[in-house]
Amino acid sequence: MNPAIDLIQSLLLVAIAPLVSGVIARLKAQMQNRRGASVLRPYADLLKLFRKHDMAPDTASWLFRFAPAALFAVTVTAAAFVPVLHASALFGVGGDFILLVYLLAFGRFFLMLGAMDGGSSFGGLGASREALVSALAEAPLLLALTSVAILTHSISVAGIVLFTLQQHPFQLSAVFVFALGALVLVAIAETGRIPVDNPSSHLELTMIHEAMVLEYSGASLALIEWASSIKLTLILALLIGVFAPWGMAAGASLVALALAPLFFALKLAALTIAIAVLESSIAKLRMYQVPDFLGMASALAILAVAFTALMR
């Protein structure tokens, strides 16, 4: 496919990420009988942070300032592997779903290093909790994507998307059902949403992501917040592409390419509404309950892999 289209859809994913976060925050506010901020508020916050002075603790090393840039770079790179408007990707290669998983893990690793390098007790607390969530979430994420890859006979995200796009919506197998369940649970943990984490909480007993970024300010904090929004939008786009890509362009048809953004926007809106409803309806889990939550994701992912063996 034309590399220009692949580049445009990757840049689109990066550009709309703050808007997705803003829409979720606005919907949650309205469901809780609050007016809420504008959906464009995240863009204003990013601009404000980029204009502010970037400060660092006296005890921090170069790693503290390098971590946000590394996190943002690997997250943007990961976004280039996910089809959005067309069943192809800018950096699509064989086995890229494995690279996608570990790019996200690599970004998390740098954020944890930066949090600990800041010297704050909250940073160490958040990093240790993030390491726990990461260790429990990576296996079911990789297993679920592997089961879908085996079923579709494709080892790239774009190939999986193209296979699903060519299927009838009611002809999908049980493997997709179990893999979808596993990926939904993992997506909640990976993006730090309720019930695993609360992105709007600043209580030291419950913080995970927010505890790691308390020492950051200015452009560094802007890069971290933007990367978090991109990661959320990326994973939502991955769920759409792998399990509900219908409406995405499969060829070079101008009509299909023109309609693809509309279909993607509708599906993305449905997922944002689902997130807002979920987070307004349930409470955050206690930390010792998070392994049980991600254990369900592991069980579903293992069932997905087992069903691929039974169906061969």
Protein backbone atom coordinates (compact mmCIF):
# COMPACT_ATOMS: atom_id res chain seq x y z
CA MET A 1 0.00 0.00 0.00
CA ASN A 2 1.06 3.61 -0.40
CA PRO A 3 3.47 4.48 2.45
CA ALA A 4 1.85 7.94 2.61
CA ILE A 5 -1.45 6.41 3.75
CA ASP A 6 0.33 4.28 6.35
CA LEU A 7 2.16 7.35 7.62
CA ILE A 8 -1.07 9.37 7.78
CA GLN A 9 -2.88 6.72 9.82
CA SER A 10 0.06 6.45 12.24
CA LEU A 11 0.17 10.23 12.71
CA LEU A 12 -3.61 10.25 13.13
CA LEU A 13 -3.32 7.79 16.00
CA VAL A 14 -0.78 10.03 17.71
CA ALA A 15 -2.74 13.23 17.05
CA ILE A 16 -6.14 12.08 18.32
CA ALA A 17 -4.79 10.41 21.47
CA PRO A 18 -5.31 13.45 23.77
CA LEU A 19 -8.82 13.87 22.34
CA VAL A 20 -9.70 10.29 23.32
CA SER A 21 -8.56 10.96 26.89
CA GLY A 22 -10.54 14.20 26.92
CA VAL A 23 -13.72 12.51 25.69
CA ILE A 24 -13.47 9.80 28.36
CA ALA A 25 -12.92 12.39 31.11
CA ARG A 26 -15.88 14.48 29.88
CA LEU A 27 -18.19 11.46 29.68
CA LYS A 28 -17.22 10.35 33.18
CA ALA A 29 -17.90 13.84 34.54
CA GLN A 30 -21.37 13.95 32.96
CA MET A 31 -22.21 10.48 34.28
CA GLN A 32 -21.24 11.69 37.75
CA ASN A 33 -23.46 14.81 37.45
CA ARG A 34 -20.52 17.14 36.89
CA ARG A 35 -20.03 19.54 34.03
CA GLY A 36 -16.51 18.42 33.27
CA ALA A 37 -13.76 20.06 31.24
CA SER A 38 -13.72 20.48 27.49
CA VAL A 39 -12.75 17.44 25.44
CA LEU A 40 -9.89 19.59 24.10
CA ARG A 41 -8.52 20.22 27.60
CA PRO A 42 -5.70 17.61 27.23
CA TYR A 43 -4.30 19.57 24.27
CA ALA A 44 -4.28 22.77 26.32
CA ASP A 45 -2.60 20.96 29.21
CA LEU A 46 0.10 19.61 26.91
CA LEU A 47 0.78 23.05 25.46
CA LYS A 48 0.97 24.52 28.95
CA LEU A 49 3.42 21.85 30.11
CA PHE A 50 5.65 22.25 27.04
CA ARG A 51 5.95 25.97 27.87
CA LYS A 52 6.88 25.39 31.51
CA HIS A 53 10.37 24.96 32.90
CA ASP A 54 11.50 21.33 33.12
CA MET A 55 12.73 20.70 36.65
CA ALA A 56 14.43 17.64 38.14
CA PRO A 57 15.42 16.57 41.68
CA ASP A 58 18.99 17.38 42.72
CA THR A 59 19.77 13.68 43.18
CA ALA A 60 18.49 12.63 39.73
CA SER A 61 20.86 11.61 36.94
CA TRP A 62 20.56 11.97 33.15
CA LEU A 63 18.29 8.92 33.19
CA PHE A 64 15.52 10.95 34.84
CA ARG A 65 15.29 13.31 31.84
CA PHE A 66 15.93 10.61 29.26
CA ALA A 67 13.12 8.29 30.43
CA PRO A 68 10.16 10.45 29.21
CA ALA A 69 11.71 10.89 25.75
CA ALA A 70 12.40 7.15 25.48
CA LEU A 71 8.86 6.33 26.62
CA PHE A 72 7.36 8.69 24.04
CA ALA A 73 9.63 7.42 21.24
CA VAL A 74 8.85 3.73 21.74
CA THR A 75 5.12 4.41 22.15
CA VAL A 76 4.98 6.36 18.88
CA THR A 77 6.96 3.58 17.21
CA ALA A 78 4.49 1.00 18.52
CA ALA A 79 1.63 3.04 17.05
CA ALA A 80 3.18 2.58 13.59
CA PHE A 81 2.48 -1.19 13.79
CA VAL A 82 -1.30 -0.84 14.25
CA PRO A 83 -3.61 -0.42 11.20
CA VAL A 84 -6.25 2.26 11.65
CA LEU A 85 -7.78 3.22 8.31
CA HIS A 86 -6.25 0.62 6.00
CA ALA A 87 -5.32 -3.04 6.55
CA SER A 88 -1.62 -2.25 6.43
CA ALA A 89 0.87 -0.60 8.74
CA LEU A 90 3.83 1.71 8.36
CA PHE A 91 6.26 -0.68 10.08
CA GLY A 92 4.40 -3.93 9.39
CA VAL A 93 6.80 -6.92 9.41
CA GLY A 94 6.50 -10.62 10.17
CA GLY A 95 6.16 -11.25 13.89
CA ASP A 96 5.55 -7.59 14.65
CA PHE A 97 2.86 -8.41 17.23
CA ILE A 98 5.67 -9.70 19.48
CA LEU A 99 7.68 -6.54 18.85
CA LEU A 100 4.58 -4.46 19.64
CA VAL A 101 4.18 -6.14 23.04
CA TYR A 102 7.79 -5.58 23.98
CA LEU A 103 7.94 -2.02 22.71
CA LEU A 104 5.18 -1.21 25.18
CA ALA A 105 7.08 -3.12 27.88
CA PHE A 106 10.27 -1.24 26.99
CA GLY A 107 8.54 2.11 27.45
CA ARG A 108 7.19 1.01 30.81
CA PHE A 109 10.69 -0.12 31.80
CA PHE A 110 12.13 3.34 31.12
CA LEU A 111 9.33 5.02 33.04
CA MET A 112 10.02 2.80 36.05
CA LEU A 113 13.74 3.61 35.87
CA GLY A 114 12.98 7.33 35.71
CA ALA A 115 10.62 7.07 38.68
CA MET A 116 13.23 5.33 40.82
CA ASP A 117 16.01 7.66 39.67
CA GLY A 118 14.01 10.62 40.97
CA GLY A 119 14.69 9.42 44.50
CA SER A 120 11.09 9.80 45.68
CA SER A 121 9.55 7.10 47.88
CA PHE A 122 6.36 7.47 45.84
CA GLY A 123 8.33 6.81 42.65
CA GLY A 124 9.71 3.58 44.05
CA LEU A 125 6.25 2.58 45.27
CA GLY A 126 4.69 3.19 41.88
CA ALA A 127 7.53 1.46 40.03
CA SER A 128 7.23 -1.69 42.15
CA ARG A 129 3.49 -1.82 41.58
CA GLU A 130 3.93 -1.18 37.85
CA ALA A 131 6.45 -4.04 37.70
CA LEU A 132 3.89 -6.36 39.29
CA VAL A 133 1.17 -5.37 36.83
CA SER A 134 3.59 -5.64 33.92
CA ALA A 135 4.74 -9.13 34.87
CA LEU A 136 1.15 -10.33 35.14
CA ALA A 137 -0.14 -8.59 31.99
CA GLU A 138 2.54 -9.36 29.39
CA ALA A 139 1.97 -13.13 29.27
CA PRO A 140 -1.79 -13.04 28.56
CA LEU A 141 -1.28 -10.19 26.06
CA LEU A 142 1.30 -12.20 24.14
CA LEU A 143 -0.66 -15.48 24.40
CA ALA A 144 -3.91 -13.89 23.19
CA LEU A 145 -2.23 -12.32 20.17
CA THR A 146 -0.38 -15.58 19.47
CA SER A 147 -3.64 -17.56 19.45
CA VAL A 148 -5.15 -15.15 16.93
CA ALA A 149 -1.97 -15.26 14.84
CA ILE A 150 -2.09 -19.06 14.72
CA LEU A 151 -5.76 -19.06 13.75
CA THR A 152 -5.30 -16.47 11.00
CA HIS A 153 -2.03 -18.02 9.72
CA SER A 154 -0.39 -14.60 9.92
CA ILE A 155 2.49 -13.38 12.06
CA SER A 156 1.90 -9.66 11.57
CA VAL A 157 -0.74 -7.35 13.00
CA ALA A 158 -1.68 -6.13 9.52
CA GLY A 159 -2.07 -9.72 8.31
CA ILE A 160 -4.35 -10.56 11.24
CA VAL A 161 -6.44 -7.46 10.54
CA LEU A 162 -6.73 -8.32 6.84
CA PHE A 163 -7.81 -11.90 7.64
CA THR A 164 -10.52 -10.74 10.05
CA LEU A 165 -11.66 -8.08 7.59
CA GLN A 166 -12.32 -10.80 4.99
CA GLN A 167 -14.46 -12.87 7.39
CA HIS A 168 -18.16 -12.53 8.11
CA PRO A 169 -18.78 -11.02 11.58
CA PHE A 170 -20.82 -14.07 12.65
CA GLN A 171 -18.29 -16.62 11.41
CA LEU A 172 -15.58 -15.87 13.96
CA SER A 173 -14.50 -18.77 16.16
CA ALA A 174 -14.32 -19.25 19.92
CA VAL A 175 -10.63 -18.39 19.75
CA PHE A 176 -11.54 -14.78 18.96
CA VAL A 177 -14.00 -14.71 21.88
CA PHE A 178 -11.46 -15.92 24.44
CA ALA A 179 -8.67 -13.77 22.98
CA LEU A 180 -10.93 -10.71 23.03
CA GLY A 181 -11.83 -11.31 26.68
CA ALA A 182 -8.16 -11.67 27.60
CA LEU A 183 -7.11 -8.56 25.67
CA VAL A 184 -9.89 -6.43 27.17
CA LEU A 185 -8.74 -7.31 30.70
CA VAL A 186 -5.10 -6.75 29.77
CA ALA A 187 -5.95 -3.44 28.08
CA ILE A 188 -7.45 -2.16 31.33
CA ALA A 189 -4.27 -3.03 33.20
CA GLU A 190 -1.87 -1.83 30.49
CA THR A 191 -3.51 1.58 30.26
CA GLY A 192 -3.90 2.07 34.00
CA ARG A 193 -7.68 2.31 34.04
CA ILE A 194 -10.18 1.37 36.74
CA PRO A 195 -10.40 -1.20 38.34
CA VAL A 196 -6.61 -1.79 38.21
CA ASP A 197 -5.54 1.85 38.57
CA ASN A 198 -7.25 5.22 38.82
CA PRO A 199 -5.72 7.80 36.44
CA SER A 200 -7.34 10.67 38.33
CA SER A 201 -6.27 9.60 41.82
CA HIS A 202 -3.45 11.18 43.83
CA LEU A 203 -3.84 9.04 46.97
CA GLU A 204 -0.50 7.45 47.81
CA LEU A 205 -2.12 4.18 48.89
CA THR A 206 -3.75 3.61 45.51
CA MET A 207 -1.44 5.26 42.95
CA ILE A 208 0.48 3.31 40.33
CA HIS A 209 1.10 5.47 37.26
CA GLU A 210 0.60 8.80 39.03
CA ALA A 211 3.10 7.83 41.73
CA MET A 212 5.81 7.41 39.10
CA VAL A 213 5.30 10.85 37.55
CA LEU A 214 4.98 13.00 40.68
CA GLU A 215 8.55 14.32 40.33
CA TYR A 216 8.18 15.27 36.67
CA SER A 217 7.23 18.67 35.31
CA GLY A 218 7.34 20.71 32.13
CA ALA A 219 8.10 19.03 28.81
CA SER A 220 9.04 15.74 30.49
CA LEU A 221 5.61 15.45 32.09
CA ALA A 222 3.98 16.46 28.79
CA LEU A 223 5.76 13.63 26.97
CA ILE A 224 4.69 11.13 29.63
CA GLU A 225 1.05 12.23 29.56
CA TRP A 226 0.98 12.26 25.75
CA ALA A 227 2.57 8.80 25.62
CA SER A 228 -0.06 7.50 28.06
CA SER A 229 -2.83 8.83 25.82
CA ILE A 230 -1.19 7.33 22.73
CA LYS A 231 -0.90 3.96 24.48
CA LEU A 232 -4.60 4.01 25.39
CA THR A 233 -5.63 4.93 21.83
CA LEU A 234 -3.18 2.41 20.36
CA ILE A 235 -4.61 -0.47 22.38
CA LEU A 236 -8.18 0.55 21.53
CA ALA A 237 -7.19 0.68 17.84
CA LEU A 238 -5.59 -2.76 18.20
CA LEU A 239 -8.82 -4.19 19.64
CA ILE A 240 -10.79 -2.62 16.79
CA GLY A 241 -8.38 -3.83 14.12
CA VAL A 242 -8.04 -7.41 15.33
CA PHE A 243 -11.64 -8.08 16.36
CA ALA A 244 -13.85 -5.55 14.52
CA PRO A 245 -12.02 -4.15 11.47
CA TRP A 246 -15.10 -4.00 9.22
CA GLY A 247 -15.26 -0.60 7.57
CA MET A 248 -11.50 -0.41 7.26
CA ALA A 249 -10.20 -0.10 3.68
CA ALA A 250 -8.72 -3.31 2.27
CA GLY A 251 -7.63 -1.90 -1.10
CA ALA A 252 -6.86 1.37 -2.81
CA SER A 253 -10.50 2.42 -3.29
CA LEU A 254 -10.91 6.15 -2.63
CA VAL A 255 -14.48 5.61 -1.39
CA ALA A 256 -13.33 3.00 1.14
CA LEU A 257 -10.50 5.23 2.31
CA ALA A 258 -12.90 8.16 2.68
CA LEU A 259 -15.37 6.12 4.74
CA ALA A 260 -12.74 4.39 6.90
CA PRO A 261 -12.25 7.37 9.28
CA LEU A 262 -16.00 7.52 9.91
CA PHE A 263 -16.22 3.81 10.77
CA PHE A 264 -13.13 4.04 12.96
CA ALA A 265 -14.52 7.09 14.79
CA LEU A 266 -17.81 5.29 15.49
CA LYS A 267 -16.09 2.20 16.87
CA LEU A 268 -13.64 4.29 18.89
CA ALA A 269 -16.56 6.31 20.30
CA ALA A 270 -18.29 3.08 21.36
CA LEU A 271 -15.18 1.95 23.23
CA THR A 272 -14.70 5.32 24.94
CA ILE A 273 -18.32 5.24 26.10
CA ALA A 274 -17.79 1.71 27.42
CA ILE A 275 -14.70 2.84 29.36
CA ALA A 276 -16.54 5.82 30.84
CA VAL A 277 -19.51 3.66 31.88
CA LEU A 278 -17.23 1.00 33.40
CA GLU A 279 -15.16 3.49 35.37
CA SER A 280 -18.28 5.26 36.65
CA SER A 281 -19.90 2.00 37.73
CA ILE A 282 -17.21 0.08 39.61
CA ALA A 283 -14.56 0.85 42.22
CA LYS A 284 -10.83 0.35 42.02
CA LEU A 285 -9.55 -3.04 43.14
CA ARG A 286 -7.17 -3.37 46.05
CA MET A 287 -3.62 -4.23 44.99
CA TYR A 288 -3.78 -7.79 46.29
CA GLN A 289 -6.82 -8.39 44.07
CA VAL A 290 -5.06 -7.27 40.87
CA PRO A 291 -3.27 -10.65 40.40
CA ASP A 292 -6.66 -12.39 40.48
CA PHE A 293 -8.00 -9.94 37.89
CA LEU A 294 -5.08 -10.56 35.54
CA GLY A 295 -5.23 -14.26 36.36
CA MET A 296 -8.60 -14.31 34.59
CA ALA A 297 -6.91 -12.74 31.56
CA SER A 298 -4.24 -15.46 31.64
CA ALA A 299 -6.89 -18.18 31.88
CA LEU A 300 -8.79 -16.79 28.89
CA ALA A 301 -5.57 -16.46 26.88
CA ILE A 302 -4.61 -20.07 27.66
CA LEU A 303 -8.08 -21.21 26.58
CA ALA A 304 -7.66 -19.27 23.33
CA VAL A 305 -4.37 -21.06 22.63
CA ALA A 306 -5.90 -24.43 23.56
CA PHE A 307 -8.81 -23.88 21.17
CA THR A 308 -6.39 -23.14 18.32
CA ALA A 309 -4.93 -26.62 18.84
CA LEU A 310 -8.39 -28.23 18.91
CA MET A 311 -9.46 -26.48 15.72
CA ARG A 312 -6.47 -27.52 13.64
